Every structure is written in C-alpha cells, then in structure tokens.
Amino acid sequence: MYGAGDVRIADVGDPALEQPTDTLVRVVLACICGSDLHPYHSLVATPAGVPMGHEFIGVVEEIGDEVSTLRAGDLVIAPFAWSDGTCEFCREGLHISCRTGGFFAAGGVGGGQAEAIASRRPTAPW
C-alpha cells in the first residue's frame, strides 16, 4: 500500500528463514482484515510502500531448528499476530501480548497478501 486508496502488486524478494525460531509458510488463501481497511482510507503517501495483509491460510514449507510445534506440510490458519505460546501472557490467553511475538505486515515482516511469508521474532521483546 503506497497511500490511501493506492494498492499495488509488487515483486519483492522471497522470504527466508533468518532465525532458528522462524517458520516459512506458503500462502494458499488470504483475506482482507478490517485493520487493512484503516490504512486504505487514511495512509499517508509512502514512497517505499508498506506490506498489507495479516490473516491467511497456508502450508508450512520450512521451519527453523527451534520450532517444535510445527512440521513441513502442516496446514496453518494465521490471525494477525503470532505468539510463542509459552510466555506468561500466552499462558493466560493474551497471545497478542506475547513477549516474543509480533504482527504480520509490521516490523519488517511481510504481509499475508503474498505468495509466502516468514514469521519471525523481533530482535527484542516489545
């Protein structure tokens, strides 16, 4: 998305595993999230563009060495955020507050409106 109402299809590099906690997913179905609509109506012009889409269904293609709950070939349904499922917030059901989680289409992670996506932990907890 390059500004309010300015959505373009762009070629970007293929995502890749960078950390042992990363997962690479081939997107098979994606949808427009309600939070994609807010910047569609109000995003300030952004010359470099920003990725969009953070809800998708996909197939796990590759996992990092520290991923223990997924395997290549697994079908996954992704909400707008990912979490580790182990921190105190996740254990209390507050997955969007995960200490090592993050959001698709934010913080340098691509959006789900793509052919593939890599989920990764941020370099520092937020």
C-alpha atoms as a PDB file:
ATOM      1  CA  MET A   1       0.000   0.000   0.000  1.00  0.00           C
ATOM      2  CA  TYR A   2       1.516   3.299  -1.055  1.00  0.00           C
ATOM      3  CA  GLY A   3      -1.075   5.662   0.334  1.00  0.00           C
ATOM      4  CA  ALA A   4      -4.792   5.952   0.950  1.00  0.00           C
ATOM      5  CA  GLY A   5      -6.519   4.000  -1.821  1.00  0.00           C
ATOM      6  CA  ASP A   6      -3.197   3.244  -3.549  1.00  0.00           C
ATOM      7  CA  VAL A   7      -2.748  -0.536  -3.512  1.00  0.00           C
ATOM      8  CA  ARG A   8      -0.247  -2.082  -5.927  1.00  0.00           C
ATOM      9  CA  ILE A   9       1.095  -5.504  -6.728  1.00  0.00           C
ATOM     10  CA  ALA A  10       4.866  -5.516  -6.320  1.00  0.00           C
ATOM     11  CA  ASP A  11       7.616  -8.059  -6.764  1.00  0.00           C
ATOM     12  CA  VAL A  12       9.605  -8.482  -3.577  1.00  0.00           C
ATOM     13  CA  GLY A  13      12.299 -10.934  -2.586  1.00  0.00           C
ATOM     14  CA  ASP A  14      11.287 -14.368  -1.384  1.00  0.00           C
ATOM     15  CA  PRO A  15      11.073 -14.690   2.385  1.00  0.00           C
ATOM     16  CA  ALA A  16      13.662 -16.911   4.036  1.00  0.00           C
ATOM     17  CA  LEU A  17      14.414 -18.287   7.465  1.00  0.00           C
ATOM     18  CA  GLU A  18      16.752 -15.950   9.327  1.00  0.00           C
ATOM     19  CA  GLN A  19      16.445 -17.165  12.925  1.00  0.00           C
ATOM     20  CA  PRO A  20      16.076 -20.692  14.342  1.00  0.00           C
ATOM     21  CA  THR A  21      12.599 -19.659  15.561  1.00  0.00           C
ATOM     22  CA  ASP A  22      11.347 -18.681  12.086  1.00  0.00           C
ATOM     23  CA  THR A  23       8.728 -20.501  10.048  1.00  0.00           C
ATOM     24  CA  LEU A  24       8.264 -20.185   6.284  1.00  0.00           C
ATOM     25  CA  VAL A  25       4.681 -20.556   5.061  1.00  0.00           C
ATOM     26  CA  ARG A  26       3.327 -20.732   1.504  1.00  0.00           C
ATOM     27  CA  VAL A  27       0.114 -18.696   1.473  1.00  0.00           C
ATOM     28  CA  VAL A  28      -2.789 -20.534  -0.177  1.00  0.00           C
ATOM     29  CA  LEU A  29      -5.663 -18.233   0.849  1.00  0.00           C
ATOM     30  CA  ALA A  30      -5.602 -14.688   2.192  1.00  0.00           C
ATOM     31  CA  CYS A  31      -8.280 -12.267   3.252  1.00  0.00           C
ATOM     32  CA  ILE A  32      -8.571  -8.580   3.850  1.00  0.00           C
ATOM     33  CA  CYS A  33      -8.539  -7.868   7.555  1.00  0.00           C
ATOM     34  CA  GLY A  34     -10.559  -4.975   8.911  1.00  0.00           C
ATOM     35  CA  SER A  35      -7.322  -3.392  10.062  1.00  0.00           C
ATOM     36  CA  ASP A  36      -6.147  -3.397   6.423  1.00  0.00           C
ATOM     37  CA  LEU A  37      -9.056  -1.086   5.658  1.00  0.00           C
ATOM     38  CA  HIS A  38      -7.972   1.652   8.075  1.00  0.00           C
ATOM     39  CA  PRO A  39      -4.728   2.492   6.213  1.00  0.00           C
ATOM     40  CA  TYR A  40      -6.566   2.024   2.906  1.00  0.00           C
ATOM     41  CA  HIS A  41      -8.625   5.050   3.882  1.00  0.00           C
ATOM     42  CA  SER A  42      -6.013   7.088   5.732  1.00  0.00           C
ATOM     43  CA  LEU A  43      -2.403   6.038   4.984  1.00  0.00           C
ATOM     44  CA  VAL A  44      -0.133   8.989   4.298  1.00  0.00           C
ATOM     45  CA  ALA A  45       1.701   8.658   0.964  1.00  0.00           C
ATOM     46  CA  THR A  46       4.602   6.264   1.460  1.00  0.00           C
ATOM     47  CA  PRO A  47       7.097   6.117  -1.455  1.00  0.00           C
ATOM     48  CA  ALA A  48       8.514   2.708  -0.458  1.00  0.00           C
ATOM     49  CA  GLY A  49       5.098   1.220   0.269  1.00  0.00           C
ATOM     50  CA  VAL A  50       4.097  -0.941   3.210  1.00  0.00           C
ATOM     51  CA  PRO A  51       3.032  -4.585   3.141  1.00  0.00           C
ATOM     52  CA  MET A  52      -0.550  -5.482   3.855  1.00  0.00           C
ATOM     53  CA  GLY A  53      -2.487  -8.483   4.980  1.00  0.00           C
ATOM     54  CA  HIS A  54      -2.112 -10.410   8.154  1.00  0.00           C
ATOM     55  CA  GLU A  55      -4.739 -13.118   8.060  1.00  0.00           C
ATOM     56  CA  PHE A  56      -4.121 -16.120   5.861  1.00  0.00           C
ATOM     57  CA  ILE A  57      -4.202 -19.875   5.468  1.00  0.00           C
ATOM     58  CA  GLY A  58      -1.022 -21.572   4.364  1.00  0.00           C
ATOM     59  CA  VAL A  59       1.148 -24.639   4.272  1.00  0.00           C
ATOM     60  CA  VAL A  60       4.346 -24.779   6.302  1.00  0.00           C
ATOM     61  CA  GLU A  61       7.253 -25.105   3.877  1.00  0.00           C
ATOM     62  CA  GLU A  62      10.213 -24.869   6.234  1.00  0.00           C
ATOM     63  CA  ILE A  63      10.851 -24.485   9.966  1.00  0.00           C
ATOM     64  CA  GLY A  64      13.793 -23.249  11.994  1.00  0.00           C
ATOM     65  CA  ASP A  65      15.728 -25.582  14.271  1.00  0.00           C
ATOM     66  CA  GLU A  66      13.991 -24.282  17.410  1.00  0.00           C
ATOM     67  CA  VAL A  67      10.427 -24.696  16.115  1.00  0.00           C
ATOM     68  CA  SER A  68       8.882 -27.684  17.873  1.00  0.00           C
ATOM     69  CA  THR A  69       5.135 -27.387  17.327  1.00  0.00           C
ATOM     70  CA  LEU A  70       5.008 -27.346  13.510  1.00  0.00           C
ATOM     71  CA  ARG A  71       6.265 -29.560  10.703  1.00  0.00           C
ATOM     72  CA  ALA A  72       6.678 -29.019   6.958  1.00  0.00           C
ATOM     73  CA  GLY A  73       3.362 -29.809   5.283  1.00  0.00           C
ATOM     74  CA  ASP A  74       1.186 -28.632   8.188  1.00  0.00           C
ATOM     75  CA  LEU A  75      -1.831 -26.519   7.248  1.00  0.00           C
ATOM     76  CA  VAL A  76      -1.942 -23.352   9.362  1.00  0.00           C
ATOM     77  CA  ILE A  77      -4.513 -20.637   9.891  1.00  0.00           C
ATOM     78  CA  ALA A  78      -2.863 -17.381  10.864  1.00  0.00           C
ATOM     79  CA  PRO A  79      -4.501 -14.473  12.660  1.00  0.00           C
ATOM     80  CA  PHE A  80      -2.954 -11.004  12.522  1.00  0.00           C
ATOM     81  CA  ALA A  81      -0.341 -11.812  15.184  1.00  0.00           C
ATOM     82  CA  TRP A  82       1.927 -14.712  16.054  1.00  0.00           C
ATOM     83  CA  SER A  83       2.985 -15.825  19.500  1.00  0.00           C
ATOM     84  CA  ASP A  84       5.246 -18.419  21.092  1.00  0.00           C
ATOM     85  CA  GLY A  85       2.511 -19.976  23.241  1.00  0.00           C
ATOM     86  CA  THR A  86       4.887 -20.305  26.189  1.00  0.00           C
ATOM     87  CA  CYS A  87       5.357 -16.916  27.875  1.00  0.00           C
ATOM     88  CA  GLU A  88       3.263 -15.791  30.842  1.00  0.00           C
ATOM     89  CA  PHE A  89       0.960 -13.733  28.599  1.00  0.00           C
ATOM     90  CA  CYS A  90       0.327 -16.639  26.215  1.00  0.00           C
ATOM     91  CA  ARG A  91      -0.357 -18.996  29.128  1.00  0.00           C
ATOM     92  CA  GLU A  92      -3.029 -16.534  30.291  1.00  0.00           C
ATOM     93  CA  GLY A  93      -4.582 -16.405  26.794  1.00  0.00           C
ATOM     94  CA  LEU A  94      -3.177 -12.963  25.945  1.00  0.00           C
ATOM     95  CA  HIS A  95      -1.389 -14.055  22.776  1.00  0.00           C
ATOM     96  CA  ILE A  96      -1.206 -10.581  21.218  1.00  0.00           C
ATOM     97  CA  SER A  97       0.873  -9.505  24.213  1.00  0.00           C
ATOM     98  CA  CYS A  98       3.427 -12.299  23.699  1.00  0.00           C
ATOM     99  CA  ARG A  99       6.938 -11.254  24.708  1.00  0.00           C
ATOM    100  CA  THR A 100       8.475 -12.793  21.575  1.00  0.00           C
ATOM    101  CA  GLY A 101       5.534 -12.480  19.168  1.00  0.00           C
ATOM    102  CA  GLY A 102       4.759  -9.919  16.557  1.00  0.00           C
ATOM    103  CA  PHE A 103       2.372  -8.863  13.842  1.00  0.00           C
ATOM    104  CA  PHE A 104       2.313  -9.747  10.176  1.00  0.00           C
ATOM    105  CA  ALA A 105       2.772  -6.769   7.817  1.00  0.00           C
ATOM    106  CA  ALA A 106       4.676  -4.871  10.541  1.00  0.00           C
ATOM    107  CA  GLY A 107       8.160  -4.584  11.987  1.00  0.00           C
ATOM    108  CA  GLY A 108       9.946  -5.738   8.849  1.00  0.00           C
ATOM    109  CA  VAL A 109       7.798  -8.844   8.407  1.00  0.00           C
ATOM    110  CA  GLY A 110       5.901  -9.187   5.143  1.00  0.00           C
ATOM    111  CA  GLY A 111       2.154  -9.261   4.844  1.00  0.00           C
ATOM    112  CA  GLY A 112      -0.164 -12.162   4.166  1.00  0.00           C
ATOM    113  CA  GLN A 113      -1.228 -10.712   0.830  1.00  0.00           C
ATOM    114  CA  ALA A 114       1.710 -12.546  -0.728  1.00  0.00           C
ATOM    115  CA  GLU A 115       2.776 -15.907  -2.108  1.00  0.00           C
ATOM    116  CA  ALA A 116       4.793 -16.752   1.014  1.00  0.00           C
ATOM    117  CA  ILE A 117       5.596 -15.285   4.403  1.00  0.00           C
ATOM    118  CA  ALA A 118       8.179 -15.842   7.120  1.00  0.00           C
ATOM    119  CA  SER A 119       7.185 -15.286  10.716  1.00  0.00           C
ATOM    120  CA  ARG A 120      10.000 -14.269  12.987  1.00  0.00           C
ATOM    121  CA  ARG A 121      10.566 -12.970  16.428  1.00  0.00           C
ATOM    122  CA  PRO A 122      11.638  -9.361  16.837  1.00  0.00           C
ATOM    123  CA  THR A 123      15.183  -8.806  17.993  1.00  0.00           C
ATOM    124  CA  ALA A 124      13.981  -7.505  21.353  1.00  0.00           C
ATOM    125  CA  PRO A 125      10.764  -8.072  23.303  1.00  0.00           C
ATOM    126  CA  TRP A 126       8.181  -5.312  22.993  1.00  0.00           C
END
